[in-house]
PDB file of N, CA and C in Angstrom:
ATOM      1  N   MET A   1       5.683  52.058 -74.384  1.00  0.00           N
ATOM      2  CA  MET A   1       4.337  52.472 -74.101  1.00  0.00           C
ATOM      3  C   MET A   1       4.239  53.060 -72.700  1.00  0.00           C
ATOM      4  N   LEU A   2       4.755  52.369 -71.724  1.00  0.00           N
ATOM      5  CA  LEU A   2       4.599  52.813 -70.345  1.00  0.00           C
ATOM      6  C   LEU A   2       5.437  54.037 -70.028  1.00  0.00           C
ATOM      7  N   SER A   3       6.614  54.143 -70.603  1.00  0.00           N
ATOM      8  CA  SER A   3       7.498  55.259 -70.267  1.00  0.00           C
ATOM      9  C   SER A   3       6.969  56.587 -70.790  1.00  0.00           C
ATOM     10  N   ARG A   4       6.068  56.577 -71.740  1.00  0.00           N
ATOM     11  CA  ARG A   4       5.502  57.816 -72.273  1.00  0.00           C
ATOM     12  C   ARG A   4       4.402  58.382 -71.387  1.00  0.00           C
ATOM     13  N   ASN A   5       3.973  57.637 -70.396  1.00  0.00           N
ATOM     14  CA  ASN A   5       2.894  58.063 -69.509  1.00  0.00           C
ATOM     15  C   ASN A   5       3.347  57.970 -68.061  1.00  0.00           C
ATOM     16  N   PRO A   6       4.186  58.914 -67.601  1.00  0.00           N
ATOM     17  CA  PRO A   6       4.740  58.791 -66.249  1.00  0.00           C
ATOM     18  C   PRO A   6       3.691  58.789 -65.142  1.00  0.00           C
ATOM     19  N   GLN A   7       2.531  59.408 -65.354  1.00  0.00           N
ATOM     20  CA  GLN A   7       1.508  59.413 -64.318  1.00  0.00           C
ATOM     21  C   GLN A   7       0.958  58.012 -64.073  1.00  0.00           C
ATOM     22  N   LEU A   8       1.075  57.107 -65.033  1.00  0.00           N
ATOM     23  CA  LEU A   8       0.624  55.734 -64.849  1.00  0.00           C
ATOM     24  C   LEU A   8       1.570  54.939 -63.960  1.00  0.00           C
ATOM     25  N   LEU A   9       2.787  55.440 -63.785  1.00  0.00           N
ATOM     26  CA  LEU A   9       3.800  54.690 -63.058  1.00  0.00           C
ATOM     27  C   LEU A   9       3.729  54.882 -61.544  1.00  0.00           C
ATOM     28  N   THR A  10       2.839  55.734 -61.055  1.00  0.00           N
ATOM     29  CA  THR A  10       2.790  56.017 -59.627  1.00  0.00           C
ATOM     30  C   THR A  10       2.126  54.907 -58.821  1.00  0.00           C
ATOM     31  N   ASP A  11       1.265  54.132 -59.425  1.00  0.00           N
ATOM     32  CA  ASP A  11       0.568  53.048 -58.739  1.00  0.00           C
ATOM     33  C   ASP A  11       1.242  51.727 -59.133  1.00  0.00           C
ATOM     34  N   PRO A  12       1.935  51.065 -58.198  1.00  0.00           N
ATOM     35  CA  PRO A  12       2.661  49.825 -58.547  1.00  0.00           C
ATOM     36  C   PRO A  12       1.767  48.726 -59.106  1.00  0.00           C
ATOM     37  N   SER A  13       0.540  48.593 -58.596  1.00  0.00           N
ATOM     38  CA  SER A  13      -0.340  47.541 -59.126  1.00  0.00           C
ATOM     39  C   SER A  13      -0.761  47.858 -60.552  1.00  0.00           C
ATOM     40  N   ARG A  14      -0.972  49.139 -60.847  1.00  0.00           N
ATOM     41  CA  ARG A  14      -1.320  49.535 -62.211  1.00  0.00           C
ATOM     42  C   ARG A  14      -0.138  49.310 -63.143  1.00  0.00           C
ATOM     43  N   LEU A  15       1.047  49.639 -62.677  1.00  0.00           N
ATOM     44  CA  LEU A  15       2.244  49.416 -63.488  1.00  0.00           C
ATOM     45  C   LEU A  15       2.409  47.934 -63.796  1.00  0.00           C
ATOM     46  N   ASP A  16       2.238  47.087 -62.791  1.00  0.00           N
ATOM     47  CA  ASP A  16       2.344  45.643 -62.990  1.00  0.00           C
ATOM     48  C   ASP A  16       1.319  45.157 -64.008  1.00  0.00           C
ATOM     49  N   TYR A  17       0.094  45.632 -63.888  1.00  0.00           N
ATOM     50  CA  TYR A  17      -0.976  45.234 -64.799  1.00  0.00           C
ATOM     51  C   TYR A  17      -0.698  45.708 -66.222  1.00  0.00           C
ATOM     52  N   LEU A  18      -0.284  46.969 -66.371  1.00  0.00           N
ATOM     53  CA  LEU A  18       0.014  47.495 -67.710  1.00  0.00           C
ATOM     54  C   LEU A  18       1.194  46.766 -68.341  1.00  0.00           C
ATOM     55  N   GLN A  19       2.169  46.395 -67.534  1.00  0.00           N
ATOM     56  CA  GLN A  19       3.297  45.630 -68.058  1.00  0.00           C
ATOM     57  C   GLN A  19       2.824  44.254 -68.532  1.00  0.00           C
ATOM     58  N   PHE A  20       1.927  43.643 -67.772  1.00  0.00           N
ATOM     59  CA  PHE A  20       1.357  42.356 -68.171  1.00  0.00           C
ATOM     60  C   PHE A  20       0.624  42.483 -69.505  1.00  0.00           C
ATOM     61  N   LEU A  21      -0.221  43.513 -69.641  1.00  0.00           N
ATOM     62  CA  LEU A  21      -0.933  43.731 -70.905  1.00  0.00           C
ATOM     63  C   LEU A  21       0.038  43.944 -72.056  1.00  0.00           C
ATOM     64  N   ASN A  22       1.071  44.720 -71.798  1.00  0.00           N
ATOM     65  CA  ASN A  22       2.071  44.981 -72.833  1.00  0.00           C
ATOM     66  C   ASN A  22       2.755  43.675 -73.258  1.00  0.00           C
ATOM     67  N   ASP A  23       3.132  42.858 -72.296  1.00  0.00           N
ATOM     68  CA  ASP A  23       3.858  41.623 -72.598  1.00  0.00           C
ATOM     69  C   ASP A  23       2.983  40.579 -73.285  1.00  0.00           C
ATOM     70  N   TRP A  24       1.732  40.436 -72.840  1.00  0.00           N
ATOM     71  CA  TRP A  24       0.908  39.337 -73.319  1.00  0.00           C
ATOM     72  C   TRP A  24      -0.046  39.692 -74.446  1.00  0.00           C
ATOM     73  N   TYR A  25      -0.470  40.942 -74.556  1.00  0.00           N
ATOM     74  CA  TYR A  25      -1.437  41.288 -75.595  1.00  0.00           C
ATOM     75  C   TYR A  25      -0.856  42.220 -76.638  1.00  0.00           C
ATOM     76  N   TYR A  26      -0.237  43.301 -76.191  1.00  0.00           N
ATOM     77  CA  TYR A  26       0.205  44.322 -77.128  1.00  0.00           C
ATOM     78  C   TYR A  26       1.205  43.779 -78.144  1.00  0.00           C
ATOM     79  N   GLY A  27       2.165  42.985 -77.707  1.00  0.00           N
ATOM     80  CA  GLY A  27       3.190  42.471 -78.612  1.00  0.00           C
ATOM     81  C   GLY A  27       2.608  41.697 -79.776  1.00  0.00           C
ATOM     82  N   ALA A  28       1.730  40.762 -79.483  1.00  0.00           N
ATOM     83  CA  ALA A  28       1.129  39.951 -80.547  1.00  0.00           C
ATOM     84  C   ALA A  28       0.204  40.785 -81.423  1.00  0.00           C
ATOM     85  N   LEU A  29      -0.609  41.645 -80.799  1.00  0.00           N
ATOM     86  CA  LEU A  29      -1.522  42.475 -81.587  1.00  0.00           C
ATOM     87  C   LEU A  29      -0.756  43.450 -82.479  1.00  0.00           C
ATOM     88  N   SER A  30       0.309  44.032 -81.944  1.00  0.00           N
ATOM     89  CA  SER A  30       1.138  44.942 -82.735  1.00  0.00           C
ATOM     90  C   SER A  30       1.822  44.200 -83.875  1.00  0.00           C
ATOM     91  N   GLY A  31       2.351  43.028 -83.574  1.00  0.00           N
ATOM     92  CA  GLY A  31       2.997  42.230 -84.611  1.00  0.00           C
ATOM     93  C   GLY A  31       2.047  41.857 -85.728  1.00  0.00           C
ATOM     94  N   ASP A  32       0.817  41.488 -85.378  1.00  0.00           N
ATOM     95  CA  ASP A  32      -0.180  41.161 -86.389  1.00  0.00           C
ATOM     96  C   ASP A  32      -0.533  42.385 -87.226  1.00  0.00           C
ATOM     97  N   SER A  33      -0.703  43.511 -86.564  1.00  0.00           N
ATOM     98  CA  SER A  33      -1.102  44.728 -87.276  1.00  0.00           C
ATOM     99  C   SER A  33      -0.009  45.263 -88.181  1.00  0.00           C
ATOM    100  N   HIS A  34       1.237  45.197 -87.715  1.00  0.00           N
ATOM    101  CA  HIS A  34       2.348  45.749 -88.477  1.00  0.00           C
ATOM    102  C   HIS A  34       3.064  44.704 -89.331  1.00  0.00           C
ATOM    103  N   LEU A  35       2.539  43.494 -89.295  1.00  0.00           N
ATOM    104  CA  LEU A  35       3.080  42.387 -90.081  1.00  0.00           C
ATOM    105  C   LEU A  35       4.575  42.183 -89.855  1.00  0.00           C
ATOM    106  N   SER A  36       4.939  42.110 -88.581  1.00  0.00           N
ATOM    107  CA  SER A  36       6.301  41.693 -88.259  1.00  0.00           C
ATOM    108  C   SER A  36       6.437  40.244 -88.717  1.00  0.00           C
ATOM    109  N   TYR A  37       7.606  39.667 -88.557  1.00  0.00           N
ATOM    110  CA  TYR A  37       7.791  38.293 -89.005  1.00  0.00           C
ATOM    111  C   TYR A  37       6.766  37.356 -88.364  1.00  0.00           C
ATOM    112  N   MET A  38       6.645  37.414 -87.042  1.00  0.00           N
ATOM    113  CA  MET A  38       5.694  36.528 -86.360  1.00  0.00           C
ATOM    114  C   MET A  38       4.246  36.902 -86.676  1.00  0.00           C
ATOM    115  N   GLY A  39       3.981  38.190 -86.802  1.00  0.00           N
ATOM    116  CA  GLY A  39       2.634  38.615 -87.168  1.00  0.00           C
ATOM    117  C   GLY A  39       2.257  38.131 -88.553  1.00  0.00           C
ATOM    118  N   LEU A  40       3.196  38.215 -89.470  1.00  0.00           N
ATOM    119  CA  LEU A  40       2.954  37.726 -90.825  1.00  0.00           C
ATOM    120  C   LEU A  40       2.750  36.215 -90.813  1.00  0.00           C
ATOM    121  N   ALA A  41       3.517  35.512 -90.006  1.00  0.00           N
ATOM    122  CA  ALA A  41       3.358  34.059 -89.910  1.00  0.00           C
ATOM    123  C   ALA A  41       1.972  33.704 -89.370  1.00  0.00           C
ATOM    124  N   ARG A  42       1.502  34.443 -88.343  1.00  0.00           N
ATOM    125  CA  ARG A  42       0.177  34.166 -87.784  1.00  0.00           C
ATOM    126  C   ARG A  42      -0.922  34.509 -88.786  1.00  0.00           C
ATOM    127  N   ARG A  43      -0.852  35.698 -89.354  1.00  0.00           N
ATOM    128  CA  ARG A  43      -1.900  36.140 -90.275  1.00  0.00           C
ATOM    129  C   ARG A  43      -1.781  35.500 -91.648  1.00  0.00           C
ATOM    130  N   GLY A  44      -0.567  35.399 -92.123  1.00  0.00           N
ATOM    131  CA  GLY A  44      -0.364  34.880 -93.477  1.00  0.00           C
ATOM    132  C   GLY A  44      -0.712  33.418 -93.606  1.00  0.00           C
ATOM    133  N   GLY A  45      -0.518  32.662 -92.533  1.00  0.00           N
ATOM    134  CA  GLY A  45      -0.790  31.232 -92.584  1.00  0.00           C
ATOM    135  C   GLY A  45      -2.223  30.907 -92.941  1.00  0.00           C
ATOM    136  N   PHE A  46      -3.165  31.659 -92.419  1.00  0.00           N
ATOM    137  CA  PHE A  46      -4.555  31.335 -92.711  1.00  0.00           C
ATOM    138  C   PHE A  46      -4.991  31.878 -94.074  1.00  0.00           C
ATOM    139  N   MET A  47      -4.196  32.781 -94.676  1.00  0.00           N
ATOM    140  CA  MET A  47      -4.522  33.282 -96.011  1.00  0.00           C
ATOM    141  C   MET A  47      -3.913  32.412 -97.125  1.00  0.00           C
ATOM    142  N   TRP A  48      -3.067  31.514 -96.746  1.00  0.00           N
ATOM    143  CA  TRP A  48      -2.405  30.631 -97.691  1.00  0.00           C
ATOM    144  C   TRP A  48      -3.453  29.803 -98.429  1.00  0.00           C
ATOM    145  N   ASP A  49      -3.259  29.602 -99.715  1.00  0.00           N
ATOM    146  CA  ASP A  49      -4.215  28.845-100.526  1.00  0.00           C
ATOM    147  C   ASP A  49      -4.491  27.457 -99.963  1.00  0.00           C
ATOM    148  N   LYS A  50      -3.481  26.851 -99.375  1.00  0.00           N
ATOM    149  CA  LYS A  50      -3.634  25.480 -98.889  1.00  0.00           C
ATOM    150  C   LYS A  50      -4.096  25.411 -97.436  1.00  0.00           C
ATOM    151  N   ALA A  51      -4.345  26.551 -96.835  1.00  0.00           N
ATOM    152  CA  ALA A  51      -4.831  26.559 -95.453  1.00  0.00           C
ATOM    153  C   ALA A  51      -6.239  25.980 -95.416  1.00  0.00           C
ATOM    154  N   ASP A  52      -6.483  25.134 -94.448  1.00  0.00           N
ATOM    155  CA  ASP A  52      -7.821  24.546 -94.376  1.00  0.00           C
ATOM    156  C   ASP A  52      -8.780  25.488 -93.647  1.00  0.00           C
ATOM    157  N   SER A  53     -10.055  25.201 -93.767  1.00  0.00           N
ATOM    158  CA  SER A  53     -11.063  26.076 -93.165  1.00  0.00           C
ATOM    159  C   SER A  53     -10.973  26.068 -91.642  1.00  0.00           C
ATOM    160  N   GLY A  54     -10.501  24.958 -91.058  1.00  0.00           N
ATOM    161  CA  GLY A  54     -10.330  24.895 -89.606  1.00  0.00           C
ATOM    162  C   GLY A  54      -9.289  25.885 -89.120  1.00  0.00           C
ATOM    163  N   MET A  55      -8.199  26.048 -89.886  1.00  0.00           N
ATOM    164  CA  MET A  55      -7.149  27.007 -89.533  1.00  0.00           C
ATOM    165  C   MET A  55      -7.693  28.430 -89.598  1.00  0.00           C
ATOM    166  N   ARG A  56      -8.438  28.711 -90.642  1.00  0.00           N
ATOM    167  CA  ARG A  56      -9.026  30.051 -90.782  1.00  0.00           C
ATOM    168  C   ARG A  56     -10.025  30.327 -89.662  1.00  0.00           C
ATOM    169  N   LYS A  57     -10.842  29.327 -89.369  1.00  0.00           N
ATOM    170  CA  LYS A  57     -11.847  29.485 -88.315  1.00  0.00           C
ATOM    171  C   LYS A  57     -11.169  29.728 -86.969  1.00  0.00           C
ATOM    172  N   ARG A  58     -10.125  28.979 -86.670  1.00  0.00           N
ATOM    173  CA  ARG A  58      -9.423  29.135 -85.387  1.00  0.00           C
ATOM    174  C   ARG A  58      -8.820  30.529 -85.257  1.00  0.00           C
ATOM    175  N   TYR A  59      -8.222  31.044 -86.327  1.00  0.00           N
ATOM    176  CA  TYR A  59      -7.640  32.391 -86.276  1.00  0.00           C
ATOM    177  C   TYR A  59      -8.735  33.425 -86.003  1.00  0.00           C
ATOM    178  N   ARG A  60      -9.865  33.304 -86.686  1.00  0.00           N
ATOM    179  CA  ARG A  60     -10.978  34.240 -86.448  1.00  0.00           C
ATOM    180  C   ARG A  60     -11.466  34.150 -85.006  1.00  0.00           C
ATOM    181  N   GLU A  61     -11.564  32.927 -84.480  1.00  0.00           N
ATOM    182  CA  GLU A  61     -11.995  32.753 -83.091  1.00  0.00           C
ATOM    183  C   GLU A  61     -11.046  33.459 -82.129  1.00  0.00           C
ATOM    184  N   ILE A  62      -9.761  33.281 -82.348  1.00  0.00           N
ATOM    185  CA  ILE A  62      -8.769  33.921 -81.471  1.00  0.00           C
ATOM    186  C   ILE A  62      -8.875  35.433 -81.559  1.00  0.00           C
ATOM    187  N   ALA A  63      -9.013  35.970 -82.768  1.00  0.00           N
ATOM    188  CA  ALA A  63      -9.108  37.416 -82.960  1.00  0.00           C
ATOM    189  C   ALA A  63     -10.351  37.979 -82.275  1.00  0.00           C
ATOM    190  N   VAL A  64     -11.484  37.306 -82.447  1.00  0.00           N
ATOM    191  CA  VAL A  64     -12.729  37.786 -81.842  1.00  0.00           C
ATOM    192  C   VAL A  64     -12.662  37.682 -80.312  1.00  0.00           C
ATOM    193  N   LEU A  65     -12.177  36.562 -79.797  1.00  0.00           N
ATOM    194  CA  LEU A  65     -12.096  36.397 -78.350  1.00  0.00           C
ATOM    195  C   LEU A  65     -11.127  37.386 -77.708  1.00  0.00           C
ATOM    196  N   THR A  66     -10.034  37.688 -78.395  1.00  0.00           N
ATOM    197  CA  THR A  66      -9.112  38.699 -77.880  1.00  0.00           C
ATOM    198  C   THR A  66      -9.777  40.066 -77.830  1.00  0.00           C
ATOM    199  N   ALA A  67     -10.495  40.430 -78.905  1.00  0.00           N
ATOM    200  CA  ALA A  67     -11.194  41.719 -78.937  1.00  0.00           C
ATOM    201  C   ALA A  67     -12.260  41.797 -77.845  1.00  0.00           C
ATOM    202  N   VAL A  68     -13.030  40.728 -77.685  1.00  0.00           N
ATOM    203  CA  VAL A  68     -14.073  40.710 -76.648  1.00  0.00           C
ATOM    204  C   VAL A  68     -13.444  40.802 -75.259  1.00  0.00           C
ATOM    205  N   THR A  69     -12.368  40.053 -75.035  1.00  0.00           N
ATOM    206  CA  THR A  69     -11.697  40.087 -73.732  1.00  0.00           C
ATOM    207  C   THR A  69     -11.211  41.484 -73.397  1.00  0.00           C
ATOM    208  N   LEU A  70     -10.582  42.147 -74.347  1.00  0.00           N
ATOM    209  CA  LEU A  70     -10.077  43.498 -74.090  1.00  0.00           C
ATOM    210  C   LEU A  70     -11.221  44.499 -73.904  1.00  0.00           C
ATOM    211  N   PHE A  71     -12.314  44.308 -74.622  1.00  0.00           N
ATOM    212  CA  PHE A  71     -13.471  45.178 -74.456  1.00  0.00           C
ATOM    213  C   PHE A  71     -14.088  44.994 -73.070  1.00  0.00           C
ATOM    214  N   VAL A  72     -14.238  43.743 -72.633  1.00  0.00           N
ATOM    215  CA  VAL A  72     -14.779  43.471 -71.299  1.00  0.00           C
ATOM    216  C   VAL A  72     -13.824  44.005 -70.230  1.00  0.00           C
ATOM    217  N   ALA A  73     -12.522  43.920 -70.484  1.00  0.00           N
ATOM    218  CA  ALA A  73     -11.546  44.488 -69.546  1.00  0.00           C
ATOM    219  C   ALA A  73     -11.736  46.002 -69.433  1.00  0.00           C
ATOM    220  N   LEU A  74     -11.936  46.679 -70.553  1.00  0.00           N
ATOM    221  CA  LEU A  74     -12.167  48.130 -70.528  1.00  0.00           C
ATOM    222  C   LEU A  74     -13.444  48.467 -69.759  1.00  0.00           C
ATOM    223  N   LEU A  75     -14.515  47.743 -70.038  1.00  0.00           N
ATOM    224  CA  LEU A  75     -15.765  47.970 -69.303  1.00  0.00           C
ATOM    225  C   LEU A  75     -15.580  47.702 -67.811  1.00  0.00           C
ATOM    226  N   SER A  76     -14.782  46.700 -67.487  1.00  0.00           N
ATOM    227  CA  SER A  76     -14.525  46.379 -66.081  1.00  0.00           C
ATOM    228  C   SER A  76     -13.765  47.501 -65.388  1.00  0.00           C
ATOM    229  N   GLU A  77     -12.809  48.100 -66.090  1.00  0.00           N
ATOM    230  CA  GLU A  77     -12.082  49.244 -65.528  1.00  0.00           C
ATOM    231  C   GLU A  77     -13.048  50.380 -65.212  1.00  0.00           C
ATOM    232  N   ILE A  78     -13.931  50.672 -66.140  1.00  0.00           N
ATOM    233  CA  ILE A  78     -14.890  51.768 -65.957  1.00  0.00           C
ATOM    234  C   ILE A  78     -15.821  51.464 -64.784  1.00  0.00           C
ATOM    235  N   ALA A  79     -16.401  50.269 -64.780  1.00  0.00           N
ATOM    236  CA  ALA A  79     -17.341  49.912 -63.707  1.00  0.00           C
ATOM    237  C   ALA A  79     -16.654  49.861 -62.352  1.00  0.00           C
ATOM    238  N   GLY A  80     -15.437  49.359 -62.322  1.00  0.00           N
ATOM    239  CA  GLY A  80     -14.709  49.260 -61.059  1.00  0.00           C
ATOM    240  C   GLY A  80     -14.347  50.612 -60.482  1.00  0.00           C
ATOM    241  N   HIS A  81     -13.845  51.500 -61.314  1.00  0.00           N
ATOM    242  CA  HIS A  81     -13.412  52.805 -60.829  1.00  0.00           C
ATOM    243  C   HIS A  81     -14.576  53.758 -60.596  1.00  0.00           C
ATOM    244  N   ALA A  82     -15.673  53.563 -61.333  1.00  0.00           N
ATOM    245  CA  ALA A  82     -16.853  54.414 -61.134  1.00  0.00           C
ATOM    246  C   ALA A  82     -17.753  53.876 -60.028  1.00  0.00           C
ATOM    247  N   ARG A  83     -17.379  52.711 -59.477  1.00  0.00           N
ATOM    248  CA  ARG A  83     -18.140  52.081 -58.392  1.00  0.00           C
ATOM    249  C   ARG A  83     -19.608  51.884 -58.779  1.00  0.00           C
ATOM    250  N   LEU A  84     -19.811  51.115 -59.841  1.00  0.00           N
ATOM    251  CA  LEU A  84     -21.144  50.817 -60.347  1.00  0.00           C
ATOM    252  C   LEU A  84     -21.480  49.362 -59.985  1.00  0.00           C
ATOM    253  N   PRO A  85     -22.169  49.131 -58.871  1.00  0.00           N
ATOM    254  CA  PRO A  85     -22.353  47.760 -58.370  1.00  0.00           C
ATOM    255  C   PRO A  85     -23.124  46.844 -59.323  1.00  0.00           C
ATOM    256  N   ASP A  86     -24.169  47.341 -59.962  1.00  0.00           N
ATOM    257  CA  ASP A  86     -24.937  46.480 -60.877  1.00  0.00           C
ATOM    258  C   ASP A  86     -24.084  46.063 -62.081  1.00  0.00           C
ATOM    259  N   GLU A  87     -23.341  47.009 -62.629  1.00  0.00           N
ATOM    260  CA  GLU A  87     -22.488  46.705 -63.771  1.00  0.00           C
ATOM    261  C   GLU A  87     -21.345  45.767 -63.371  1.00  0.00           C
ATOM    262  N   LYS A  88     -20.806  45.965 -62.160  1.00  0.00           N
ATOM    263  CA  LYS A  88     -19.746  45.078 -61.683  1.00  0.00           C
ATOM    264  C   LYS A  88     -20.253  43.641 -61.576  1.00  0.00           C
ATOM    265  N   ARG A  89     -21.464  43.465 -61.080  1.00  0.00           N
ATOM    266  CA  ARG A  89     -22.048  42.123 -60.970  1.00  0.00           C
ATOM    267  C   ARG A  89     -22.235  41.508 -62.359  1.00  0.00           C
ATOM    268  N   ARG A  90     -22.760  42.296 -63.288  1.00  0.00           N
ATOM    269  CA  ARG A  90     -22.960  41.792 -64.654  1.00  0.00           C
ATOM    270  C   ARG A  90     -21.632  41.431 -65.317  1.00  0.00           C
ATOM    271  N   LEU A  91     -20.638  42.257 -65.094  1.00  0.00           N
ATOM    272  CA  LEU A  91     -19.325  41.975 -65.693  1.00  0.00           C
ATOM    273  C   LEU A  91     -18.681  40.742 -65.076  1.00  0.00           C
ATOM    274  N   ARG A  92     -18.873  40.510 -63.796  1.00  0.00           N
ATOM    275  CA  ARG A  92     -18.379  39.262 -63.187  1.00  0.00           C
ATOM    276  C   ARG A  92     -19.025  38.060 -63.872  1.00  0.00           C
ATOM    277  N   ASP A  93     -20.322  38.163 -64.167  1.00  0.00           N
ATOM    278  CA  ASP A  93     -21.021  37.080 -64.874  1.00  0.00           C
ATOM    279  C   ASP A  93     -20.432  36.880 -66.279  1.00  0.00           C
ATOM    280  N   ILE A  94     -20.118  37.974 -66.953  1.00  0.00           N
ATOM    281  CA  ILE A  94     -19.523  37.869 -68.297  1.00  0.00           C
ATOM    282  C   ILE A  94     -18.150  37.218 -68.212  1.00  0.00           C
ATOM    283  N   TRP A  95     -17.345  37.623 -67.226  1.00  0.00           N
ATOM    284  CA  TRP A  95     -16.028  36.997 -67.046  1.00  0.00           C
ATOM    285  C   TRP A  95     -16.175  35.505 -66.754  1.00  0.00           C
ATOM    286  N   ASP A  96     -17.197  35.118 -65.999  1.00  0.00           N
ATOM    287  CA  ASP A  96     -17.415  33.696 -65.709  1.00  0.00           C
ATOM    288  C   ASP A  96     -17.659  32.898 -66.981  1.00  0.00           C
ATOM    289  N   VAL A  97     -18.332  33.495 -67.947  1.00  0.00           N
ATOM    290  CA  VAL A  97     -18.574  32.833 -69.234  1.00  0.00           C
ATOM    291  C   VAL A  97     -17.326  32.882 -70.108  1.00  0.00           C
ATOM    292  N   LEU A  98     -16.636  33.992 -70.073  1.00  0.00           N
ATOM    293  CA  LEU A  98     -15.488  34.210 -70.949  1.00  0.00           C
ATOM    294  C   LEU A  98     -14.261  33.390 -70.556  1.00  0.00           C
ATOM    295  N   ARG A  99     -14.010  33.237 -69.284  1.00  0.00           N
ATOM    296  CA  ARG A  99     -12.790  32.555 -68.817  1.00  0.00           C
ATOM    297  C   ARG A  99     -12.624  31.145 -69.358  1.00  0.00           C
ATOM    298  N   PRO A 100     -13.646  30.284 -69.372  1.00  0.00           N
ATOM    299  CA  PRO A 100     -13.426  28.931 -69.899  1.00  0.00           C
ATOM    300  C   PRO A 100     -13.255  28.880 -71.422  1.00  0.00           C
ATOM    301  N   VAL A 101     -13.745  29.890 -72.124  1.00  0.00           N
ATOM    302  CA  VAL A 101     -13.719  29.879 -73.590  1.00  0.00           C
ATOM    303  C   VAL A 101     -12.391  30.363 -74.133  1.00  0.00           C
ATOM    304  N   THR A 102     -11.778  31.291 -73.450  1.00  0.00           N
ATOM    305  CA  THR A 102     -10.514  31.861 -73.900  1.00  0.00           C
ATOM    306  C   THR A 102      -9.506  31.740 -72.766  1.00  0.00           C
ATOM    307  N   GLU A 103      -8.428  32.473 -72.831  1.00  0.00           N
ATOM    308  CA  GLU A 103      -7.390  32.346 -71.814  1.00  0.00           C
ATOM    309  C   GLU A 103      -7.134  33.644 -71.044  1.00  0.00           C
ATOM    310  N   PRO A 104      -8.182  34.295 -70.552  1.00  0.00           N
ATOM    311  CA  PRO A 104      -7.948  35.515 -69.779  1.00  0.00           C
ATOM    312  C   PRO A 104      -7.835  35.254 -68.289  1.00  0.00           C
ATOM    313  N   GLY A 105      -7.589  34.018 -67.900  1.00  0.00           N
ATOM    314  CA  GLY A 105      -7.575  33.682 -66.485  1.00  0.00           C
ATOM    315  C   GLY A 105      -6.610  34.525 -65.685  1.00  0.00           C
ATOM    316  N   GLU A 106      -5.400  34.722 -66.197  1.00  0.00           N
ATOM    317  CA  GLU A 106      -4.436  35.528 -65.468  1.00  0.00           C
ATOM    318  C   GLU A 106      -4.841  36.995 -65.487  1.00  0.00           C
ATOM    319  N   LEU A 107      -5.421  37.439 -66.575  1.00  0.00           N
ATOM    320  CA  LEU A 107      -5.936  38.808 -66.658  1.00  0.00           C
ATOM    321  C   LEU A 107      -6.985  39.002 -65.557  1.00  0.00           C
ATOM    322  N   TRP A 108      -7.891  38.038 -65.417  1.00  0.00           N
ATOM    323  CA  TRP A 108      -8.925  38.084 -64.395  1.00  0.00           C
ATOM    324  C   TRP A 108      -8.313  38.105 -62.999  1.00  0.00           C
ATOM    325  N   SER A 109      -7.409  37.170 -62.742  1.00  0.00           N
ATOM    326  CA  SER A 109      -6.871  37.063 -61.388  1.00  0.00           C
ATOM    327  C   SER A 109      -5.960  38.229 -61.031  1.00  0.00           C
ATOM    328  N   ARG A 110      -5.269  38.799 -62.004  1.00  0.00           N
ATOM    329  CA  ARG A 110      -4.379  39.936 -61.726  1.00  0.00           C
ATOM    330  C   ARG A 110      -5.147  41.212 -61.410  1.00  0.00           C
ATOM    331  N   ARG A 111      -6.327  41.359 -61.990  1.00  0.00           N
ATOM    332  CA  ARG A 111      -6.972  42.664 -61.903  1.00  0.00           C
ATOM    333  C   ARG A 111      -8.458  42.622 -61.530  1.00  0.00           C
ATOM    334  N   TYR A 112      -9.238  41.843 -62.253  1.00  0.00           N
ATOM    335  CA  TYR A 112     -10.687  42.043 -62.208  1.00  0.00           C
ATOM    336  C   TYR A 112     -11.389  41.277 -61.100  1.00  0.00           C
ATOM    337  N   ASP A 113     -10.806  40.194 -60.630  1.00  0.00           N
ATOM    338  CA  ASP A 113     -11.419  39.494 -59.514  1.00  0.00           C
ATOM    339  C   ASP A 113     -11.557  40.451 -58.325  1.00  0.00           C
ATOM    340  N   GLN A 114     -10.527  41.219 -58.072  1.00  0.00           N
ATOM    341  CA  GLN A 114     -10.541  42.173 -56.959  1.00  0.00           C
ATOM    342  C   GLN A 114     -11.319  43.447 -57.303  1.00  0.00           C
ATOM    343  N   LEU A 115     -11.101  43.982 -58.496  1.00  0.00           N
ATOM    344  CA  LEU A 115     -11.709  45.264 -58.879  1.00  0.00           C
ATOM    345  C   LEU A 115     -13.228  45.185 -58.946  1.00  0.00           C
ATOM    346  N   LEU A 116     -13.761  44.029 -59.329  1.00  0.00           N
ATOM    347  CA  LEU A 116     -15.201  43.905 -59.523  1.00  0.00           C
ATOM    348  C   LEU A 116     -15.941  43.335 -58.309  1.00  0.00           C
ATOM    349  N   ARG A 117     -15.257  43.265 -57.189  1.00  0.00           N
ATOM    350  CA  ARG A 117     -15.970  42.843 -55.972  1.00  0.00           C
ATOM    351  C   ARG A 117     -16.929  43.941 -55.552  1.00  0.00           C
ATOM    352  N   ALA A 118     -18.094  43.555 -55.095  1.00  0.00           N
ATOM    353  CA  ALA A 118     -19.126  44.535 -54.754  1.00  0.00           C
ATOM    354  C   ALA A 118     -18.805  45.349 -53.535  1.00  0.00           C
TER     355      ALA A 118
END
């Protein structure tokens, strides 16, 4: 992914962040979408006839929280680079709610804590 976009490689902090996203999010999301062995195990397990409703609910929660986290990350990139102070403040509030519910803590500390400062 990163080698196809050489202009992204000029900023070391951006490269570090994109590598983090690739390692922690893209691999699992790609595996789920393309039904690799691990993706099939994650997705297939909750479709199994004997899977309980708690297993299905947990998978849906993880999928929704991952989508919301990545969406908030995208909005944070836009607000941070466009220097939109009101939106940056609102997004910090959203991250404050999101961090305890899911596991974007490292995502926050690597990128958005600094980017969304007023």
